[in-house]
Amino acid sequence: MARKIVNRKELRAEAEAAEAAEKEAPKKKAAKKKAAPRASRAKAVADVRMKLFWGVFNQSLKRVALYEFTEKDEADKKAEELSKSGKTPHFVQKVKEAIEE
């Protein structure tokens, strides 16, 4: 294969011709960038107050009764009654619920 010999003067002439062609071409106006959409200001979430209760549940995790936290004895009694009267055992568990003011 024959190798083409190119000298620096020819390369420089080509580069200058390309630059001249760029300058002669009509310049386009710079496209305006689209303004970035403003970040929405989400409202600060108010702190939700939670309250603790005792819940009496059946075996399928359905809440049967709900008692104030200070009434744990009543919740235990209710769970025992329901366990004795029915076939499924009932149990007492803590439940947190939001307080609406």
C-alpha atoms as a PDB file:
ATOM      1  CA  MET A   1       0.000   0.000   0.000  1.00  0.00           C
ATOM      2  CA  ALA A   2       1.270   3.371  -0.869  1.00  0.00           C
ATOM      3  CA  ARG A   3       1.308   5.916   1.847  1.00  0.00           C
ATOM      4  CA  LYS A   4       0.250   9.430   0.963  1.00  0.00           C
ATOM      5  CA  ILE A   5       2.747  12.039   2.038  1.00  0.00           C
ATOM      6  CA  VAL A   6       1.110  15.081   3.577  1.00  0.00           C
ATOM      7  CA  ASN A   7       3.128  18.039   4.707  1.00  0.00           C
ATOM      8  CA  ARG A   8       2.348  20.498   7.444  1.00  0.00           C
ATOM      9  CA  LYS A   9       1.721  23.410   5.094  1.00  0.00           C
ATOM     10  CA  GLU A  10      -1.136  21.555   3.388  1.00  0.00           C
ATOM     11  CA  LEU A  11      -2.681  20.561   6.741  1.00  0.00           C
ATOM     12  CA  ARG A  12      -2.439  24.155   7.975  1.00  0.00           C
ATOM     13  CA  ALA A  13      -4.038  25.443   4.797  1.00  0.00           C
ATOM     14  CA  GLU A  14      -6.954  23.025   5.230  1.00  0.00           C
ATOM     15  CA  ALA A  15      -7.422  24.104   8.855  1.00  0.00           C
ATOM     16  CA  GLU A  16      -7.434  27.798   7.901  1.00  0.00           C
ATOM     17  CA  ALA A  17      -9.944  27.144   5.120  1.00  0.00           C
ATOM     18  CA  ALA A  18     -12.247  25.390   7.608  1.00  0.00           C
ATOM     19  CA  GLU A  19     -11.977  28.313  10.029  1.00  0.00           C
ATOM     20  CA  ALA A  20     -12.775  30.806   7.291  1.00  0.00           C
ATOM     21  CA  ALA A  21     -15.823  28.769   6.256  1.00  0.00           C
ATOM     22  CA  GLU A  22     -17.058  28.833   9.850  1.00  0.00           C
ATOM     23  CA  LYS A  23     -16.740  32.600  10.059  1.00  0.00           C
ATOM     24  CA  GLU A  24     -18.564  33.118   6.768  1.00  0.00           C
ATOM     25  CA  ALA A  25     -21.488  30.924   7.752  1.00  0.00           C
ATOM     26  CA  PRO A  26     -24.334  32.985   9.220  1.00  0.00           C
ATOM     27  CA  LYS A  27     -24.297  32.714  12.958  1.00  0.00           C
ATOM     28  CA  LYS A  28     -27.407  31.340  14.524  1.00  0.00           C
ATOM     29  CA  LYS A  29     -28.795  32.980  17.577  1.00  0.00           C
ATOM     30  CA  ALA A  30     -27.972  31.042  20.665  1.00  0.00           C
ATOM     31  CA  ALA A  31     -30.996  29.015  21.612  1.00  0.00           C
ATOM     32  CA  LYS A  32     -32.420  30.109  24.907  1.00  0.00           C
ATOM     33  CA  LYS A  33     -32.216  27.496  27.536  1.00  0.00           C
ATOM     34  CA  LYS A  34     -35.515  26.482  28.962  1.00  0.00           C
ATOM     35  CA  ALA A  35     -35.883  27.661  32.494  1.00  0.00           C
ATOM     36  CA  ALA A  36     -35.746  24.801  34.917  1.00  0.00           C
ATOM     37  CA  PRO A  37     -39.121  24.251  36.562  1.00  0.00           C
ATOM     38  CA  ARG A  38     -39.222  25.606  40.040  1.00  0.00           C
ATOM     39  CA  ALA A  39     -39.152  23.097  42.805  1.00  0.00           C
ATOM     40  CA  SER A  40     -42.509  23.090  44.481  1.00  0.00           C
ATOM     41  CA  ARG A  41     -42.492  24.097  48.059  1.00  0.00           C
ATOM     42  CA  ALA A  42     -44.090  21.245  49.874  1.00  0.00           C
ATOM     43  CA  LYS A  43     -45.839  22.180  53.039  1.00  0.00           C
ATOM     44  CA  ALA A  44     -44.091  21.012  56.144  1.00  0.00           C
ATOM     45  CA  VAL A  45     -45.853  17.982  57.478  1.00  0.00           C
ATOM     46  CA  ALA A  46     -47.239  18.667  60.897  1.00  0.00           C
ATOM     47  CA  ASP A  47     -46.112  16.275  63.582  1.00  0.00           C
ATOM     48  CA  VAL A  48     -48.753  13.646  64.114  1.00  0.00           C
ATOM     49  CA  ARG A  49     -49.341  12.889  67.754  1.00  0.00           C
ATOM     50  CA  MET A  50     -49.718   9.212  68.549  1.00  0.00           C
ATOM     51  CA  LYS A  51     -51.463   7.625  71.513  1.00  0.00           C
ATOM     52  CA  LEU A  52     -50.954   4.123  72.887  1.00  0.00           C
ATOM     53  CA  PHE A  53     -53.883   1.790  73.508  1.00  0.00           C
ATOM     54  CA  TRP A  54     -54.385  -1.859  74.384  1.00  0.00           C
ATOM     55  CA  GLY A  55     -56.105  -3.832  71.660  1.00  0.00           C
ATOM     56  CA  VAL A  56     -57.765  -7.230  72.015  1.00  0.00           C
ATOM     57  CA  PHE A  57     -57.226  -9.296  68.852  1.00  0.00           C
ATOM     58  CA  ASN A  58     -58.495 -12.641  67.613  1.00  0.00           C
ATOM     59  CA  GLN A  59     -56.372 -15.261  65.902  1.00  0.00           C
ATOM     60  CA  SER A  60     -56.862 -13.710  62.459  1.00  0.00           C
ATOM     61  CA  LEU A  61     -55.516 -10.371  63.775  1.00  0.00           C
ATOM     62  CA  LYS A  62     -58.867  -8.578  63.754  1.00  0.00           C
ATOM     63  CA  ARG A  63     -59.189  -6.056  66.534  1.00  0.00           C
ATOM     64  CA  VAL A  64     -62.152  -6.961  68.706  1.00  0.00           C
ATOM     65  CA  ALA A  65     -61.853  -4.315  71.416  1.00  0.00           C
ATOM     66  CA  LEU A  66     -59.777  -1.249  72.245  1.00  0.00           C
ATOM     67  CA  TYR A  67     -58.910  -0.022  75.749  1.00  0.00           C
ATOM     68  CA  GLU A  68     -57.030   2.986  77.102  1.00  0.00           C
ATOM     69  CA  PHE A  69     -53.422   2.276  78.047  1.00  0.00           C
ATOM     70  CA  THR A  70     -54.221   2.507  81.757  1.00  0.00           C
ATOM     71  CA  GLU A  71     -56.937  -0.187  81.432  1.00  0.00           C
ATOM     72  CA  LYS A  72     -54.709  -3.191  80.725  1.00  0.00           C
ATOM     73  CA  ASP A  73     -56.493  -5.350  83.312  1.00  0.00           C
ATOM     74  CA  GLU A  74     -59.841  -4.888  81.554  1.00  0.00           C
ATOM     75  CA  ALA A  75     -58.245  -5.752  78.222  1.00  0.00           C
ATOM     76  CA  ASP A  76     -56.779  -8.967  79.681  1.00  0.00           C
ATOM     77  CA  LYS A  77     -60.150  -9.918  81.154  1.00  0.00           C
ATOM     78  CA  LYS A  78     -61.897  -9.341  77.820  1.00  0.00           C
ATOM     79  CA  ALA A  79     -59.290 -11.492  76.018  1.00  0.00           C
ATOM     80  CA  GLU A  80     -59.773 -14.328  78.538  1.00  0.00           C
ATOM     81  CA  GLU A  81     -63.586 -14.161  78.217  1.00  0.00           C
ATOM     82  CA  LEU A  82     -63.444 -14.332  74.447  1.00  0.00           C
ATOM     83  CA  SER A  83     -60.909 -17.166  74.502  1.00  0.00           C
ATOM     84  CA  LYS A  84     -63.040 -19.253  76.853  1.00  0.00           C
ATOM     85  CA  SER A  85     -66.343 -18.627  75.082  1.00  0.00           C
ATOM     86  CA  GLY A  86     -65.102 -19.168  71.531  1.00  0.00           C
ATOM     87  CA  LYS A  87     -62.836 -21.665  69.838  1.00  0.00           C
ATOM     88  CA  THR A  88     -60.156 -19.177  68.816  1.00  0.00           C
ATOM     89  CA  PRO A  89     -57.707 -17.716  71.302  1.00  0.00           C
ATOM     90  CA  HIS A  90     -57.634 -13.948  71.780  1.00  0.00           C
ATOM     91  CA  PHE A  91     -54.657 -11.871  72.885  1.00  0.00           C
ATOM     92  CA  VAL A  92     -53.771  -8.336  73.986  1.00  0.00           C
ATOM     93  CA  GLN A  93     -51.328  -6.162  72.104  1.00  0.00           C
ATOM     94  CA  LYS A  94     -50.251  -2.503  72.135  1.00  0.00           C
ATOM     95  CA  VAL A  95     -51.785  -0.308  69.410  1.00  0.00           C
ATOM     96  CA  LYS A  96     -50.627   3.171  68.374  1.00  0.00           C
ATOM     97  CA  GLU A  97     -53.190   5.478  66.829  1.00  0.00           C
ATOM     98  CA  ALA A  98     -52.994   9.071  65.670  1.00  0.00           C
ATOM     99  CA  ILE A  99     -54.729  11.683  67.759  1.00  0.00           C
ATOM    100  CA  GLU A 100     -56.795  14.225  65.845  1.00  0.00           C
ATOM    101  CA  GLU A 101     -57.059  17.544  67.586  1.00  0.00           C
END
